[in-house]
Amino acid sequence: MYHIAVCDDEKKDRENLERLIRKYFAGTGEKYLLKVYESGEQLLSDEIIPDVVFLDIIMNEKDGLQVGAELKKKSLNVIIIYTTNLNEKMAVALNQIHSFGYLVKPIGEKDLSQIMSDAMNHIKYNADVKIDMAVFISEYNTPIDLPVMDIYYFEYYNRRVKIVSKKGIHICKDKIKDIAQKMEPYGFAMSHQSFVVNLYYVDKISNQMLIMRNGAEVYLAQKRASALRKQLMRIAKESINRGGSKG
């Protein structure tokens, strides 16, 4: 069953999206649960994290971009589709790595149907993808098995390497350069002599720092900045071709 959410503080826009989504699923025969929220706070307070959320950018209190960032901290798998009738906000939405796409109000049936199909295909594709695992040696000489896409970044710290993942922090004895070489095929790169980052989870570049999707700030060496930006652009293009970003 798919969990779909609509979050908009305008009643007529909520009702329009609800009608279009129900019509879409009526034609697919797929099982779904649709929940409608009047504010970002209401959405974030729900224990159920949706598979797909239609999120209005302009709302009272927390706006859609703030809500979207908090949702991604709860689950990197949630598909966020921004909605707005303000064209100047489109560039902001498009530049958000955590966004799957956007719709301009008033939303029509054809546009809704297309982006819903893309979202459903994305979910099904990820469900069928084999989960890649990586193994590291802990400080106690025991193996650390982690899904590759659970890892945000590695940090060389106090003569050991700290692995920062969705499930917490692990300490391993592997050398940071060996880790960089091992993880490169999965979309990781050295941003600094002490850091190897998952490029799929880089949210933005700020001065000499990378802001990761979990909110962490990671050092970016000036001599590595140009190459890393090119890698990020390549990954962004791959994500667009797949219909969204990993995670």
C-alpha atoms as a PDB file:
ATOM      1  CA  MET A   1       0.000   0.000   0.000  1.00  0.00           C
ATOM      2  CA  TYR A   2       1.236   3.480  -0.878  1.00  0.00           C
ATOM      3  CA  HIS A   3       1.028   6.284   1.679  1.00  0.00           C
ATOM      4  CA  ILE A   4       0.302   9.597  -0.032  1.00  0.00           C
ATOM      5  CA  ALA A   5       0.122  12.995   1.699  1.00  0.00           C
ATOM      6  CA  VAL A   6      -1.114  16.414   0.667  1.00  0.00           C
ATOM      7  CA  CYS A   7       0.022  19.386   2.740  1.00  0.00           C
ATOM      8  CA  ASP A   8      -1.411  22.797   1.852  1.00  0.00           C
ATOM      9  CA  ASP A   9      -2.972  25.586   3.916  1.00  0.00           C
ATOM     10  CA  GLU A  10      -5.382  26.505   1.095  1.00  0.00           C
ATOM     11  CA  LYS A  11      -8.580  24.436   1.246  1.00  0.00           C
ATOM     12  CA  LYS A  12      -9.401  24.644  -2.473  1.00  0.00           C
ATOM     13  CA  ASP A  13      -5.897  23.488  -3.413  1.00  0.00           C
ATOM     14  CA  ARG A  14      -6.047  20.572  -0.958  1.00  0.00           C
ATOM     15  CA  GLU A  15      -9.414  19.480  -2.314  1.00  0.00           C
ATOM     16  CA  ASN A  16      -8.245  19.747  -5.923  1.00  0.00           C
ATOM     17  CA  LEU A  17      -5.164  17.601  -5.298  1.00  0.00           C
ATOM     18  CA  GLU A  18      -7.154  15.075  -3.279  1.00  0.00           C
ATOM     19  CA  ARG A  19      -9.663  14.718  -6.137  1.00  0.00           C
ATOM     20  CA  LEU A  20      -6.938  14.294  -8.767  1.00  0.00           C
ATOM     21  CA  ILE A  21      -4.957  11.774  -6.706  1.00  0.00           C
ATOM     22  CA  ARG A  22      -8.042   9.650  -6.043  1.00  0.00           C
ATOM     23  CA  LYS A  23      -8.875   9.736  -9.746  1.00  0.00           C
ATOM     24  CA  TYR A  24      -5.337   8.671 -10.626  1.00  0.00           C
ATOM     25  CA  PHE A  25      -5.385   5.659  -8.291  1.00  0.00           C
ATOM     26  CA  ALA A  26      -8.868   4.679  -9.437  1.00  0.00           C
ATOM     27  CA  GLY A  27      -7.324   4.067 -12.847  1.00  0.00           C
ATOM     28  CA  THR A  28      -4.408   2.002 -11.547  1.00  0.00           C
ATOM     29  CA  GLY A  29      -6.094  -0.376  -9.125  1.00  0.00           C
ATOM     30  CA  GLU A  30      -3.225   0.150  -6.641  1.00  0.00           C
ATOM     31  CA  LYS A  31      -3.991   0.245  -2.921  1.00  0.00           C
ATOM     32  CA  TYR A  32      -3.240   3.541  -1.217  1.00  0.00           C
ATOM     33  CA  LEU A  33      -3.847   5.636   1.882  1.00  0.00           C
ATOM     34  CA  LEU A  34      -4.298   9.365   1.309  1.00  0.00           C
ATOM     35  CA  LYS A  35      -3.926  11.814   4.182  1.00  0.00           C
ATOM     36  CA  VAL A  36      -4.473  15.569   3.958  1.00  0.00           C
ATOM     37  CA  TYR A  37      -2.799  18.147   6.214  1.00  0.00           C
ATOM     38  CA  GLU A  38      -3.514  21.844   6.670  1.00  0.00           C
ATOM     39  CA  SER A  39      -0.004  22.748   7.882  1.00  0.00           C
ATOM     40  CA  GLY A  40       3.565  21.537   7.898  1.00  0.00           C
ATOM     41  CA  GLU A  41       3.453  21.177  11.665  1.00  0.00           C
ATOM     42  CA  GLN A  42       0.485  18.832  11.376  1.00  0.00           C
ATOM     43  CA  LEU A  43       2.314  16.719   8.800  1.00  0.00           C
ATOM     44  CA  LEU A  44       5.512  16.510  10.844  1.00  0.00           C
ATOM     45  CA  SER A  45       3.629  15.476  13.987  1.00  0.00           C
ATOM     46  CA  ASP A  46       2.207  12.387  12.260  1.00  0.00           C
ATOM     47  CA  GLU A  47       4.078   9.168  13.024  1.00  0.00           C
ATOM     48  CA  ILE A  48       3.408   7.853   9.517  1.00  0.00           C
ATOM     49  CA  ILE A  49       6.000   9.042   7.003  1.00  0.00           C
ATOM     50  CA  PRO A  50       4.441   9.144   3.528  1.00  0.00           C
ATOM     51  CA  ASP A  51       5.916   7.544   0.441  1.00  0.00           C
ATOM     52  CA  VAL A  52       4.905  10.603  -1.589  1.00  0.00           C
ATOM     53  CA  VAL A  53       4.024  14.067  -0.295  1.00  0.00           C
ATOM     54  CA  PHE A  54       2.658  17.036  -2.234  1.00  0.00           C
ATOM     55  CA  LEU A  55       4.004  19.979  -0.293  1.00  0.00           C
ATOM     56  CA  ASP A  56       2.985  23.604  -0.758  1.00  0.00           C
ATOM     57  CA  ILE A  57       5.999  25.914  -0.643  1.00  0.00           C
ATOM     58  CA  ILE A  58       4.238  29.005   0.730  1.00  0.00           C
ATOM     59  CA  MET A  59       2.545  28.271   4.060  1.00  0.00           C
ATOM     60  CA  ASN A  60       2.153  30.029   7.393  1.00  0.00           C
ATOM     61  CA  GLU A  61       4.753  29.286  10.088  1.00  0.00           C
ATOM     62  CA  LYS A  62       7.049  26.625   8.561  1.00  0.00           C
ATOM     63  CA  ASP A  63       7.175  26.833   4.777  1.00  0.00           C
ATOM     64  CA  GLY A  64       7.316  23.833   2.480  1.00  0.00           C
ATOM     65  CA  LEU A  65      11.092  23.883   2.049  1.00  0.00           C
ATOM     66  CA  GLN A  66      11.625  23.779   5.820  1.00  0.00           C
ATOM     67  CA  VAL A  67       9.097  20.957   6.189  1.00  0.00           C
ATOM     68  CA  GLY A  68      10.683  19.054   3.307  1.00  0.00           C
ATOM     69  CA  ALA A  69      14.129  19.259   4.913  1.00  0.00           C
ATOM     70  CA  GLU A  70      12.757  17.924   8.213  1.00  0.00           C
ATOM     71  CA  LEU A  71      10.951  15.089   6.436  1.00  0.00           C
ATOM     72  CA  LYS A  72      14.183  14.064   4.753  1.00  0.00           C
ATOM     73  CA  LYS A  73      15.887  13.864   8.143  1.00  0.00           C
ATOM     74  CA  LYS A  74      13.213  11.366   9.176  1.00  0.00           C
ATOM     75  CA  SER A  75      13.436   9.339   5.965  1.00  0.00           C
ATOM     76  CA  LEU A  76      15.574   9.862   2.880  1.00  0.00           C
ATOM     77  CA  ASN A  77      13.143   7.712   0.902  1.00  0.00           C
ATOM     78  CA  VAL A  78      10.179  10.098   1.041  1.00  0.00           C
ATOM     79  CA  ILE A  79       9.350  11.572  -2.370  1.00  0.00           C
ATOM     80  CA  ILE A  80       8.678  15.313  -2.129  1.00  0.00           C
ATOM     81  CA  ILE A  81       6.746  17.102  -4.865  1.00  0.00           C
ATOM     82  CA  TYR A  82       6.532  20.849  -4.269  1.00  0.00           C
ATOM     83  CA  THR A  83       3.465  22.828  -5.321  1.00  0.00           C
ATOM     84  CA  THR A  84       3.167  26.596  -5.697  1.00  0.00           C
ATOM     85  CA  ASN A  85       1.627  29.343  -7.798  1.00  0.00           C
ATOM     86  CA  LEU A  86       4.610  31.668  -7.318  1.00  0.00           C
ATOM     87  CA  ASN A  87       7.003  31.301 -10.234  1.00  0.00           C
ATOM     88  CA  GLU A  88       9.876  32.981  -8.412  1.00  0.00           C
ATOM     89  CA  LYS A  89       9.929  30.076  -5.974  1.00  0.00           C
ATOM     90  CA  MET A  90      10.417  27.510  -8.738  1.00  0.00           C
ATOM     91  CA  ALA A  91      14.171  28.025  -8.922  1.00  0.00           C
ATOM     92  CA  VAL A  92      14.396  27.410  -5.175  1.00  0.00           C
ATOM     93  CA  ALA A  93      12.391  24.193  -5.428  1.00  0.00           C
ATOM     94  CA  LEU A  94      14.388  22.951  -8.399  1.00  0.00           C
ATOM     95  CA  ASN A  95      17.676  23.581  -6.601  1.00  0.00           C
ATOM     96  CA  GLN A  96      16.634  21.534  -3.598  1.00  0.00           C
ATOM     97  CA  ILE A  97      18.446  18.217  -4.015  1.00  0.00           C
ATOM     98  CA  HIS A  98      15.833  16.578  -1.794  1.00  0.00           C
ATOM     99  CA  SER A  99      12.964  17.437  -4.177  1.00  0.00           C
ATOM    100  CA  PHE A 100      11.578  14.927  -6.686  1.00  0.00           C
ATOM    101  CA  GLY A 101       9.750  17.527  -8.757  1.00  0.00           C
ATOM    102  CA  TYR A 102       7.263  20.384  -8.673  1.00  0.00           C
ATOM    103  CA  LEU A 103       3.802  21.361  -9.919  1.00  0.00           C
ATOM    104  CA  VAL A 104       2.533  24.854 -10.673  1.00  0.00           C
ATOM    105  CA  LYS A 105      -0.949  25.757  -9.482  1.00  0.00           C
ATOM    106  CA  PRO A 106      -3.648  25.430 -10.609  1.00  0.00           C
ATOM    107  CA  ILE A 107      -2.680  21.770 -10.953  1.00  0.00           C
ATOM    108  CA  GLY A 108      -4.280  19.902 -13.836  1.00  0.00           C
ATOM    109  CA  GLU A 109      -5.078  16.225 -14.247  1.00  0.00           C
ATOM    110  CA  LYS A 110      -2.438  15.604 -16.923  1.00  0.00           C
ATOM    111  CA  ASP A 111       0.437  17.055 -14.866  1.00  0.00           C
ATOM    112  CA  LEU A 112      -0.666  15.243 -11.716  1.00  0.00           C
ATOM    113  CA  SER A 113      -1.002  11.929 -13.534  1.00  0.00           C
ATOM    114  CA  GLN A 114       2.465  12.230 -15.099  1.00  0.00           C
ATOM    115  CA  ILE A 115       4.323  13.034 -11.901  1.00  0.00           C
ATOM    116  CA  MET A 116       2.397  10.368  -9.946  1.00  0.00           C
ATOM    117  CA  SER A 117       3.395   7.777 -12.568  1.00  0.00           C
ATOM    118  CA  ASP A 118       7.022   8.895 -12.280  1.00  0.00           C
ATOM    119  CA  ALA A 119       6.865   8.654  -8.489  1.00  0.00           C
ATOM    120  CA  MET A 120       5.288   5.185  -8.536  1.00  0.00           C
ATOM    121  CA  ASN A 121       7.903   3.935 -11.014  1.00  0.00           C
ATOM    122  CA  HIS A 122      10.635   5.369  -8.807  1.00  0.00           C
ATOM    123  CA  ILE A 123       9.300   3.542  -5.735  1.00  0.00           C
ATOM    124  CA  LYS A 124       8.962   0.253  -7.625  1.00  0.00           C
ATOM    125  CA  TYR A 125      12.439   0.604  -9.120  1.00  0.00           C
ATOM    126  CA  ASN A 126      14.041   1.151  -5.714  1.00  0.00           C
ATOM    127  CA  ALA A 127      12.118  -1.787  -4.251  1.00  0.00           C
ATOM    128  CA  ASP A 128      13.631  -4.065  -6.904  1.00  0.00           C
ATOM    129  CA  VAL A 129      17.186  -2.755  -6.639  1.00  0.00           C
ATOM    130  CA  LYS A 130      19.698  -5.029  -4.936  1.00  0.00           C
ATOM    131  CA  ILE A 131      20.999  -3.484  -1.708  1.00  0.00           C
ATOM    132  CA  ASP A 132      24.773  -3.034  -1.854  1.00  0.00           C
ATOM    133  CA  MET A 133      26.602  -3.786   1.378  1.00  0.00           C
ATOM    134  CA  ALA A 134      30.014  -2.604   2.562  1.00  0.00           C
ATOM    135  CA  VAL A 135      32.150  -4.287   5.235  1.00  0.00           C
ATOM    136  CA  PHE A 136      34.649  -2.536   7.506  1.00  0.00           C
ATOM    137  CA  ILE A 137      36.779  -3.680  10.439  1.00  0.00           C
ATOM    138  CA  SER A 138      35.800  -2.288  13.827  1.00  0.00           C
ATOM    139  CA  GLU A 139      38.259  -1.165  16.508  1.00  0.00           C
ATOM    140  CA  TYR A 140      37.568  -4.547  18.154  1.00  0.00           C
ATOM    141  CA  ASN A 141      38.517  -6.441  14.966  1.00  0.00           C
ATOM    142  CA  THR A 142      34.920  -7.442  14.278  1.00  0.00           C
ATOM    143  CA  PRO A 143      33.149  -6.798  10.949  1.00  0.00           C
ATOM    144  CA  ILE A 144      30.847  -3.810  10.473  1.00  0.00           C
ATOM    145  CA  ASP A 145      28.275  -4.574   7.761  1.00  0.00           C
ATOM    146  CA  LEU A 146      26.401  -1.534   6.458  1.00  0.00           C
ATOM    147  CA  PRO A 147      24.142  -0.881   3.467  1.00  0.00           C
ATOM    148  CA  VAL A 148      26.081   1.523   1.257  1.00  0.00           C
ATOM    149  CA  MET A 149      23.206   3.998   1.017  1.00  0.00           C
ATOM    150  CA  ASP A 150      22.885   4.107   4.806  1.00  0.00           C
ATOM    151  CA  ILE A 151      26.244   5.902   5.022  1.00  0.00           C
ATOM    152  CA  TYR A 152      26.427   9.708   5.007  1.00  0.00           C
ATOM    153  CA  TYR A 153      30.192  10.136   5.297  1.00  0.00           C
ATOM    154  CA  PHE A 154      33.472   8.902   6.808  1.00  0.00           C
ATOM    155  CA  GLU A 155      35.694  11.081   8.995  1.00  0.00           C
ATOM    156  CA  TYR A 156      39.286  10.414  10.017  1.00  0.00           C
ATOM    157  CA  TYR A 157      39.273  11.178  13.732  1.00  0.00           C
ATOM    158  CA  ASN A 158      41.763  10.407  16.520  1.00  0.00           C
ATOM    159  CA  ARG A 159      43.688   7.844  14.411  1.00  0.00           C
ATOM    160  CA  ARG A 160      40.501   5.957  13.604  1.00  0.00           C
ATOM    161  CA  VAL A 161      37.727   6.464  11.025  1.00  0.00           C
ATOM    162  CA  LYS A 162      34.259   7.453  12.155  1.00  0.00           C
ATOM    163  CA  ILE A 163      31.419   6.155   9.973  1.00  0.00           C
ATOM    164  CA  VAL A 164      28.331   8.364  10.202  1.00  0.00           C
ATOM    165  CA  SER A 165      25.255   6.456   9.052  1.00  0.00           C
ATOM    166  CA  LYS A 166      21.476   6.465   9.355  1.00  0.00           C
ATOM    167  CA  LYS A 167      21.748   4.012  12.224  1.00  0.00           C
ATOM    168  CA  GLY A 168      24.368   5.937  14.153  1.00  0.00           C
ATOM    169  CA  ILE A 169      28.136   6.217  14.414  1.00  0.00           C
ATOM    170  CA  HIS A 170      30.611   3.354  14.031  1.00  0.00           C
ATOM    171  CA  ILE A 171      34.382   3.382  14.514  1.00  0.00           C
ATOM    172  CA  CYS A 172      36.571   1.381  12.149  1.00  0.00           C
ATOM    173  CA  LYS A 173      40.287   0.719  11.655  1.00  0.00           C
ATOM    174  CA  ASP A 174      40.275   0.999   7.860  1.00  0.00           C
ATOM    175  CA  LYS A 175      42.467   3.718   6.346  1.00  0.00           C
ATOM    176  CA  ILE A 176      40.596   6.740   4.990  1.00  0.00           C
ATOM    177  CA  LYS A 177      42.346   6.518   1.569  1.00  0.00           C
ATOM    178  CA  ASP A 178      41.449   2.829   1.281  1.00  0.00           C
ATOM    179  CA  ILE A 179      37.853   3.680   2.116  1.00  0.00           C
ATOM    180  CA  ALA A 180      37.789   6.389  -0.562  1.00  0.00           C
ATOM    181  CA  GLN A 181      38.996   3.928  -3.196  1.00  0.00           C
ATOM    182  CA  LYS A 182      36.608   1.211  -2.018  1.00  0.00           C
ATOM    183  CA  MET A 183      33.537   3.475  -1.957  1.00  0.00           C
ATOM    184  CA  GLU A 184      34.204   5.474  -5.151  1.00  0.00           C
ATOM    185  CA  PRO A 185      32.086   3.141  -7.371  1.00  0.00           C
ATOM    186  CA  TYR A 186      29.082   3.859  -5.124  1.00  0.00           C
ATOM    187  CA  GLY A 187      29.231   7.647  -5.515  1.00  0.00           C
ATOM    188  CA  PHE A 188      31.574   8.569  -2.652  1.00  0.00           C
ATOM    189  CA  ALA A 189      34.480  11.010  -2.913  1.00  0.00           C
ATOM    190  CA  MET A 190      37.121  12.638  -0.729  1.00  0.00           C
ATOM    191  CA  SER A 191      36.094  16.212   0.005  1.00  0.00           C
ATOM    192  CA  HIS A 192      39.083  16.707   2.301  1.00  0.00           C
ATOM    193  CA  GLN A 193      42.011  14.584   3.439  1.00  0.00           C
ATOM    194  CA  SER A 194      39.971  13.629   6.510  1.00  0.00           C
ATOM    195  CA  PHE A 195      36.548  13.102   4.875  1.00  0.00           C
ATOM    196  CA  VAL A 196      34.916  10.759   2.370  1.00  0.00           C
ATOM    197  CA  VAL A 197      31.335  11.771   1.599  1.00  0.00           C
ATOM    198  CA  ASN A 198      28.337  10.145  -0.034  1.00  0.00           C
ATOM    199  CA  LEU A 199      27.702  12.567  -2.912  1.00  0.00           C
ATOM    200  CA  TYR A 200      24.057  11.520  -3.107  1.00  0.00           C
ATOM    201  CA  TYR A 201      23.571  12.960   0.385  1.00  0.00           C
ATOM    202  CA  VAL A 202      25.220  16.348  -0.159  1.00  0.00           C
ATOM    203  CA  ASP A 203      22.486  18.955   0.280  1.00  0.00           C
ATOM    204  CA  LYS A 204      24.468  22.074  -0.603  1.00  0.00           C
ATOM    205  CA  ILE A 205      27.926  23.638  -0.785  1.00  0.00           C
ATOM    206  CA  SER A 206      28.586  26.601   1.497  1.00  0.00           C
ATOM    207  CA  ASN A 207      32.010  28.299   1.307  1.00  0.00           C
ATOM    208  CA  GLN A 208      34.493  25.621   2.328  1.00  0.00           C
ATOM    209  CA  MET A 209      31.884  23.282   3.762  1.00  0.00           C
ATOM    210  CA  LEU A 210      29.485  20.646   2.501  1.00  0.00           C
ATOM    211  CA  ILE A 211      26.084  20.517   4.166  1.00  0.00           C
ATOM    212  CA  MET A 212      24.921  16.904   4.338  1.00  0.00           C
ATOM    213  CA  ARG A 213      21.306  15.771   4.372  1.00  0.00           C
ATOM    214  CA  ASN A 214      21.538  14.818   8.025  1.00  0.00           C
ATOM    215  CA  GLY A 215      22.478  18.431   8.799  1.00  0.00           C
ATOM    216  CA  ALA A 216      26.191  17.757   9.380  1.00  0.00           C
ATOM    217  CA  GLU A 217      28.865  20.118   8.037  1.00  0.00           C
ATOM    218  CA  VAL A 218      31.852  18.485   6.350  1.00  0.00           C
ATOM    219  CA  TYR A 219      35.084  20.182   5.283  1.00  0.00           C
ATOM    220  CA  LEU A 220      35.706  20.806   1.585  1.00  0.00           C
ATOM    221  CA  ALA A 221      39.320  21.371   0.567  1.00  0.00           C
ATOM    222  CA  GLN A 222      39.733  24.156  -1.973  1.00  0.00           C
ATOM    223  CA  LYS A 223      41.903  21.988  -4.242  1.00  0.00           C
ATOM    224  CA  ARG A 224      39.137  19.350  -4.383  1.00  0.00           C
ATOM    225  CA  ALA A 225      36.200  21.746  -4.829  1.00  0.00           C
ATOM    226  CA  SER A 226      36.188  21.937  -8.634  1.00  0.00           C
ATOM    227  CA  ALA A 227      36.297  18.166  -9.204  1.00  0.00           C
ATOM    228  CA  LEU A 228      33.710  17.540  -6.524  1.00  0.00           C
ATOM    229  CA  ARG A 229      31.300  20.093  -8.022  1.00  0.00           C
ATOM    230  CA  LYS A 230      31.565  18.291 -11.368  1.00  0.00           C
ATOM    231  CA  GLN A 231      30.822  14.963  -9.691  1.00  0.00           C
ATOM    232  CA  LEU A 232      27.786  16.474  -7.960  1.00  0.00           C
ATOM    233  CA  MET A 233      26.500  17.816 -11.281  1.00  0.00           C
ATOM    234  CA  ARG A 234      26.887  14.379 -12.871  1.00  0.00           C
ATOM    235  CA  ILE A 235      24.967  12.736 -10.042  1.00  0.00           C
ATOM    236  CA  ALA A 236      22.246  15.392 -10.242  1.00  0.00           C
ATOM    237  CA  LYS A 237      21.825  14.651 -13.970  1.00  0.00           C
ATOM    238  CA  GLU A 238      21.649  10.904 -13.263  1.00  0.00           C
ATOM    239  CA  SER A 239      18.992  11.560 -10.632  1.00  0.00           C
ATOM    240  CA  ILE A 240      16.914  13.644 -13.067  1.00  0.00           C
ATOM    241  CA  ASN A 241      17.145  10.884 -15.685  1.00  0.00           C
ATOM    242  CA  ARG A 242      15.940   8.355 -13.119  1.00  0.00           C
ATOM    243  CA  GLY A 243      13.112  10.654 -12.084  1.00  0.00           C
ATOM    244  CA  GLY A 244      14.472  11.631  -8.661  1.00  0.00           C
ATOM    245  CA  SER A 245      17.396  11.417  -6.298  1.00  0.00           C
ATOM    246  CA  LYS A 246      18.671   8.357  -4.478  1.00  0.00           C
ATOM    247  CA  GLY A 247      17.325   7.844  -1.043  1.00  0.00           C
END
